[in-house]
N, C-alpha and C. Protein backbone atom coordinates (compact mmCIF):
# COMPACT_ATOMS: atom_id res chain seq x y z
N MET A 1 -2.13 -8.42 0.60
CA MET A 1 -3.14 -8.06 0.91
C MET A 1 -3.55 -6.62 0.58
N GLY A 2 -2.97 -5.66 0.79
CA GLY A 2 -3.29 -4.35 0.69
C GLY A 2 -3.17 -4.45 -0.91
N LYS A 3 -2.74 -4.83 -1.89
CA LYS A 3 -2.61 -4.61 -3.10
C LYS A 3 -3.99 -5.10 -4.07
N PHE A 4 -4.42 -6.44 -3.53
CA PHE A 4 -5.78 -6.76 -3.85
C PHE A 4 -6.86 -5.68 -2.71
N ILE A 5 -6.85 -5.38 -1.84
CA ILE A 5 -7.98 -4.79 -1.42
C ILE A 5 -7.96 -3.08 -2.18
N THR A 6 -7.05 -2.37 -2.76
CA THR A 6 -6.83 -1.48 -3.01
C THR A 6 -7.55 -1.54 -4.83
N GLU A 7 -6.83 -2.81 -5.23
CA GLU A 7 -7.65 -3.09 -6.69
C GLU A 7 -9.24 -3.14 -6.79
N SER A 8 -9.36 -4.18 -5.77
CA SER A 8 -10.82 -4.67 -5.51
C SER A 8 -11.62 -3.39 -5.20
N LEU A 9 -11.25 -2.29 -4.70
CA LEU A 9 -11.83 -1.27 -4.08
C LEU A 9 -11.87 -0.12 -5.22
N LYS A 10 -10.87 0.16 -5.89
CA LYS A 10 -11.15 0.85 -7.39
C LYS A 10 -12.08 0.34 -8.58
N GLU A 11 -11.97 -0.69 -8.37
CA GLU A 11 -12.83 -1.20 -9.81
C GLU A 11 -14.67 -1.45 -9.11
N LYS A 12 -14.40 -0.88 -8.12
CA LYS A 12 -16.29 -0.99 -7.86
C LYS A 12 -16.57 0.49 -6.88
N ASP A 13 -15.39 1.59 -7.27
CA ASP A 13 -15.83 2.74 -6.59
C ASP A 13 -16.00 3.07 -5.52
N LEU A 14 -15.31 2.28 -4.63
CA LEU A 14 -15.86 2.13 -3.19
C LEU A 14 -15.08 2.84 -2.47
N ILE A 15 -15.31 3.52 -1.10
CA ILE A 15 -14.61 4.12 -0.31
C ILE A 15 -13.81 3.41 0.91
N MET A 16 -14.47 2.27 1.39
CA MET A 16 -13.52 1.25 2.16
C MET A 16 -14.05 0.22 1.99
N LYS A 17 -13.12 -0.88 2.39
CA LYS A 17 -13.53 -2.22 2.97
C LYS A 17 -13.66 -2.52 4.37
N LEU A 18 -14.17 -3.35 4.62
CA LEU A 18 -14.31 -3.78 6.19
C LEU A 18 -14.13 -5.42 6.29
N SER A 19 -12.96 -5.98 6.74
CA SER A 19 -12.92 -7.55 6.98
C SER A 19 -13.08 -7.75 8.25
N LEU A 20 -14.10 -8.69 8.04
CA LEU A 20 -14.69 -9.08 9.59
C LEU A 20 -14.19 -10.47 9.60
N PHE A 21 -13.54 -10.94 10.55
CA PHE A 21 -12.61 -12.12 11.06
C PHE A 21 -13.44 -12.70 12.10
N THR A 22 -14.28 -14.30 12.03
CA THR A 22 -15.63 -14.88 12.53
C THR A 22 -15.04 -16.27 12.36
N ALA A 23 -16.09 -16.73 13.11
CA ALA A 23 -16.36 -18.21 12.82
C ALA A 23 -17.37 -18.94 13.40
N SER A 24 -18.01 -19.77 12.56
CA SER A 24 -19.25 -20.16 12.95
C SER A 24 -19.93 -20.45 14.34
N TRP A 25 -18.79 -21.21 15.17
CA TRP A 25 -19.12 -21.60 16.47
C TRP A 25 -19.07 -20.25 17.38
N CYS A 26 -18.75 -19.28 16.94
CA CYS A 26 -18.69 -17.55 17.71
C CYS A 26 -20.12 -17.16 18.03
N ALA A 27 -20.70 -16.64 19.00
CA ALA A 27 -22.00 -16.56 19.22
C ALA A 27 -21.92 -14.94 18.71
N SER A 28 -21.34 -14.61 19.45
CA SER A 28 -20.87 -12.72 19.20
C SER A 28 -20.23 -12.22 17.74
N CYS A 29 -19.65 -13.27 17.37
CA CYS A 29 -19.29 -13.05 15.31
C CYS A 29 -20.99 -13.11 14.76
N GLY A 30 -21.58 -14.07 15.17
CA GLY A 30 -23.50 -14.42 14.52
C GLY A 30 -24.02 -12.70 14.78
N THR A 31 -23.92 -12.52 15.91
CA THR A 31 -24.78 -11.12 16.30
C THR A 31 -24.31 -10.27 15.63
N LEU A 32 -22.88 -9.68 15.51
CA LEU A 32 -22.04 -8.64 14.90
C LEU A 32 -22.55 -8.94 13.12
N LYS A 33 -22.51 -10.05 12.81
CA LYS A 33 -22.77 -9.98 11.14
C LYS A 33 -24.43 -9.67 11.05
N GLN A 34 -25.48 -10.18 11.66
CA GLN A 34 -26.81 -9.81 12.18
C GLN A 34 -26.69 -8.04 11.95
N SER A 35 -25.78 -7.18 12.52
CA SER A 35 -25.91 -5.77 12.76
C SER A 35 -25.33 -5.24 11.31
N LEU A 36 -24.25 -5.94 10.94
CA LEU A 36 -23.47 -5.52 9.93
C LEU A 36 -24.83 -5.70 8.63
N ASN A 37 -25.41 -6.47 8.51
CA ASN A 37 -26.46 -6.80 7.75
C ASN A 37 -27.63 -5.91 7.60
N SER A 38 -27.73 -5.00 8.59
CA SER A 38 -29.04 -4.35 8.99
C SER A 38 -28.71 -2.77 8.65
N ILE A 39 -26.99 -2.72 8.36
CA ILE A 39 -26.51 -1.22 8.18
C ILE A 39 -26.29 -1.23 6.86
N CYS A 40 -26.88 -0.35 6.05
CA CYS A 40 -27.36 -0.15 4.59
C CYS A 40 -26.47 0.94 3.98
N THR A 41 -24.98 0.63 3.68
CA THR A 41 -24.33 2.06 2.70
C THR A 41 -23.77 1.14 1.60
N ASN A 42 -23.63 2.27 0.80
CA ASN A 42 -23.10 1.47 -0.75
C ASN A 42 -21.44 2.17 -1.04
N ASP A 43 -20.92 3.06 0.11
CA ASP A 43 -19.64 3.04 0.13
C ASP A 43 -18.30 2.04 0.81
N LEU A 44 -19.15 0.60 1.07
CA LEU A 44 -18.45 -0.42 2.01
C LEU A 44 -18.90 -1.47 1.61
N GLU A 45 -17.34 -1.99 1.02
CA GLU A 45 -17.36 -3.53 0.66
C GLU A 45 -17.03 -4.32 2.26
N ILE A 46 -18.05 -5.20 2.25
CA ILE A 46 -17.39 -5.99 3.34
C ILE A 46 -17.11 -7.44 2.98
N GLU A 47 -16.10 -7.84 3.89
CA GLU A 47 -15.45 -9.09 3.56
C GLU A 47 -15.54 -9.93 4.84
N VAL A 48 -16.66 -11.24 5.04
CA VAL A 48 -16.55 -11.67 6.31
C VAL A 48 -15.52 -13.21 5.70
N LEU A 49 -14.69 -13.23 6.83
CA LEU A 49 -13.24 -14.19 6.90
C LEU A 49 -13.35 -15.16 7.77
N ASP A 50 -13.47 -16.66 7.70
CA ASP A 50 -13.60 -17.29 8.54
C ASP A 50 -12.24 -18.27 9.14
N VAL A 51 -12.07 -17.47 10.53
CA VAL A 51 -10.60 -17.76 11.16
C VAL A 51 -10.28 -19.31 10.68
N ASP A 52 -11.16 -20.09 11.31
CA ASP A 52 -10.89 -21.71 11.20
C ASP A 52 -10.24 -22.09 9.48
N ALA A 53 -10.99 -21.28 8.77
CA ALA A 53 -10.39 -21.82 7.39
C ALA A 53 -9.06 -21.16 6.94
N LEU A 54 -8.96 -20.04 7.76
CA LEU A 54 -7.57 -18.81 7.28
C LEU A 54 -6.55 -19.69 7.88
N GLY A 55 -6.52 -20.45 9.24
CA GLY A 55 -5.43 -20.77 10.21
C GLY A 55 -4.56 -19.54 10.76
N MET A 56 -3.85 -20.30 11.96
CA MET A 56 -3.21 -19.12 12.83
C MET A 56 -2.29 -18.86 12.20
N GLN A 57 -1.36 -19.08 11.15
CA GLN A 57 -0.08 -18.53 10.31
C GLN A 57 -1.13 -17.05 9.51
N ALA A 58 -2.20 -17.23 8.83
CA ALA A 58 -2.64 -15.80 8.26
C ALA A 58 -3.36 -15.03 8.85
N LEU A 59 -3.84 -15.66 10.26
CA LEU A 59 -3.88 -14.69 11.51
C LEU A 59 -3.17 -13.82 11.82
N SER A 60 -2.05 -14.19 12.38
CA SER A 60 -0.79 -13.73 12.61
C SER A 60 -0.08 -12.83 12.05
N LYS A 61 -0.33 -12.93 10.67
CA LYS A 61 -0.02 -12.06 9.95
C LYS A 61 -0.55 -10.51 9.57
N VAL A 62 -1.92 -10.65 10.24
CA VAL A 62 -2.67 -9.41 9.95
C VAL A 62 -3.05 -8.96 11.37
N GLY A 63 -2.25 -10.04 12.80
CA GLY A 63 -2.41 -9.45 14.15
C GLY A 63 -3.65 -9.32 14.35
N ILE A 64 -4.33 -10.61 14.13
CA ILE A 64 -5.77 -11.25 14.68
C ILE A 64 -5.59 -11.87 16.04
N LYS A 65 -6.21 -11.47 17.29
CA LYS A 65 -5.42 -12.50 18.06
C LYS A 65 -7.02 -12.45 18.97
N GLY A 66 -8.18 -12.35 18.69
CA GLY A 66 -9.50 -12.76 19.13
C GLY A 66 -10.64 -12.62 18.08
N ILE A 67 -11.63 -12.87 18.22
CA ILE A 67 -12.85 -12.90 17.41
C ILE A 67 -14.31 -12.26 17.73
N PRO A 68 -14.88 -11.77 17.65
CA PRO A 68 -14.93 -11.23 16.27
C PRO A 68 -14.30 -9.90 16.39
N SER A 69 -13.46 -9.96 15.15
CA SER A 69 -12.53 -8.87 14.87
C SER A 69 -12.96 -8.12 13.22
N LEU A 70 -12.61 -6.67 13.68
CA LEU A 70 -12.80 -5.68 12.23
C LEU A 70 -11.59 -4.96 12.02
N ILE A 71 -11.40 -5.13 10.67
CA ILE A 71 -10.52 -4.15 10.26
C ILE A 71 -10.81 -3.07 9.21
N LEU A 72 -10.93 -1.93 9.69
CA LEU A 72 -11.56 -1.32 8.24
C LEU A 72 -10.20 -0.75 7.55
N TYR A 73 -10.23 -1.03 6.04
CA TYR A 73 -9.34 -0.38 5.27
C TYR A 73 -9.87 1.16 4.36
N ASP A 74 -9.04 1.77 3.76
CA ASP A 74 -9.63 3.30 2.69
C ASP A 74 -9.38 2.62 1.20
N ASN A 75 -9.70 3.06 0.36
CA ASN A 75 -9.46 2.63 -0.83
C ASN A 75 -7.89 2.42 -1.41
N GLN A 76 -7.17 3.17 -0.51
CA GLN A 76 -5.61 2.64 -1.27
C GLN A 76 -5.27 1.29 -0.26
N GLY A 77 -5.98 0.71 0.57
CA GLY A 77 -5.76 -0.50 1.14
C GLY A 77 -5.17 -0.60 2.72
N ASN A 78 -4.97 1.16 2.97
CA ASN A 78 -4.43 1.02 4.19
C ASN A 78 -5.22 0.97 5.00
N GLU A 79 -4.88 0.06 6.61
CA GLU A 79 -5.65 0.21 7.05
C GLU A 79 -6.02 1.33 8.26
N ILE A 80 -7.13 1.23 8.76
CA ILE A 80 -7.48 2.79 9.40
C ILE A 80 -8.01 2.79 10.76
N LYS A 81 -8.62 1.57 10.80
CA LYS A 81 -8.56 1.43 12.57
C LYS A 81 -9.40 -0.31 12.20
N ARG A 82 -9.08 -0.98 13.45
CA ARG A 82 -9.46 -1.98 13.76
C ARG A 82 -9.97 -1.69 15.51
N LYS A 83 -10.82 -3.02 15.56
CA LYS A 83 -11.54 -3.67 16.71
C LYS A 83 -11.76 -4.67 16.92
N SER A 84 -11.81 -5.30 18.43
CA SER A 84 -11.92 -6.80 18.64
C SER A 84 -12.92 -6.80 19.78
N GLY A 85 -13.83 -8.00 19.60
CA GLY A 85 -14.62 -8.12 20.47
C GLY A 85 -16.30 -7.44 19.85
N ALA A 86 -17.22 -8.32 20.81
CA ALA A 86 -18.63 -7.82 20.28
C ALA A 86 -19.41 -6.26 20.50
N LEU A 87 -19.71 -6.12 19.17
CA LEU A 87 -20.32 -4.64 19.23
C LEU A 87 -21.63 -4.48 19.37
N THR A 88 -22.60 -3.68 19.67
CA THR A 88 -23.86 -3.49 19.37
C THR A 88 -23.75 -2.59 17.85
N LYS A 89 -24.97 -2.41 17.44
CA LYS A 89 -25.25 -1.95 16.39
C LYS A 89 -24.90 -0.53 16.29
N LYS A 90 -25.36 0.40 17.48
CA LYS A 90 -24.69 1.91 17.66
C LYS A 90 -23.13 1.97 17.13
N GLN A 91 -22.48 0.60 18.38
CA GLN A 91 -21.01 0.73 18.60
C GLN A 91 -20.62 0.52 16.96
N LEU A 92 -21.07 -0.69 16.23
CA LEU A 92 -20.54 -0.60 15.09
C LEU A 92 -20.84 0.66 13.98
N GLU A 93 -21.97 1.29 13.66
CA GLU A 93 -22.14 2.49 13.36
C GLU A 93 -20.88 3.67 13.76
N VAL A 94 -20.61 3.88 15.04
CA VAL A 94 -19.90 4.55 15.30
C VAL A 94 -18.45 4.41 14.89
N PHE A 95 -17.89 3.14 15.47
CA PHE A 95 -16.76 2.70 14.62
C PHE A 95 -16.41 3.00 12.98
N LEU A 96 -17.62 2.57 12.19
CA LEU A 96 -17.64 2.86 10.84
C LEU A 96 -17.54 4.52 10.44
N GLY A 97 -18.33 5.40 10.93
CA GLY A 97 -18.39 6.71 11.15
C GLY A 97 -19.47 6.92 10.48
N LEU A 98 -20.77 6.08 11.17
CA LEU A 98 -21.91 6.56 10.33
C LEU A 98 -22.73 6.97 11.39
N ASP A 99 -22.82 7.34 12.38
CA ASP A 99 -23.19 7.77 13.44
C ASP A 99 -23.63 8.88 12.99
N SER A 100 -25.35 9.65 13.57
CA SER A 100 -25.14 11.07 13.15
C SER A 100 -25.56 12.17 14.60
């Protein structure tokens, strides 16, 4: 996963990649996706991953135990930080380092 993320970010000159693990039946996930859509940044690639499509084995590989879950990667594919659970728009901005 790391190599793909690194190549993807370098090709697009992005600074970070955010992976959002979600499910269609998760109300908190929908709210978080709306908050993400309202945050405008050109330095961030957002990847939305459906946990039902991924399966338990793939989720355990990356340590996902609950949803919604966010993992933030740098442009080298290294995990910077992660967060699980519902977040307000302000909390999401703080998590992404966009708060002023």
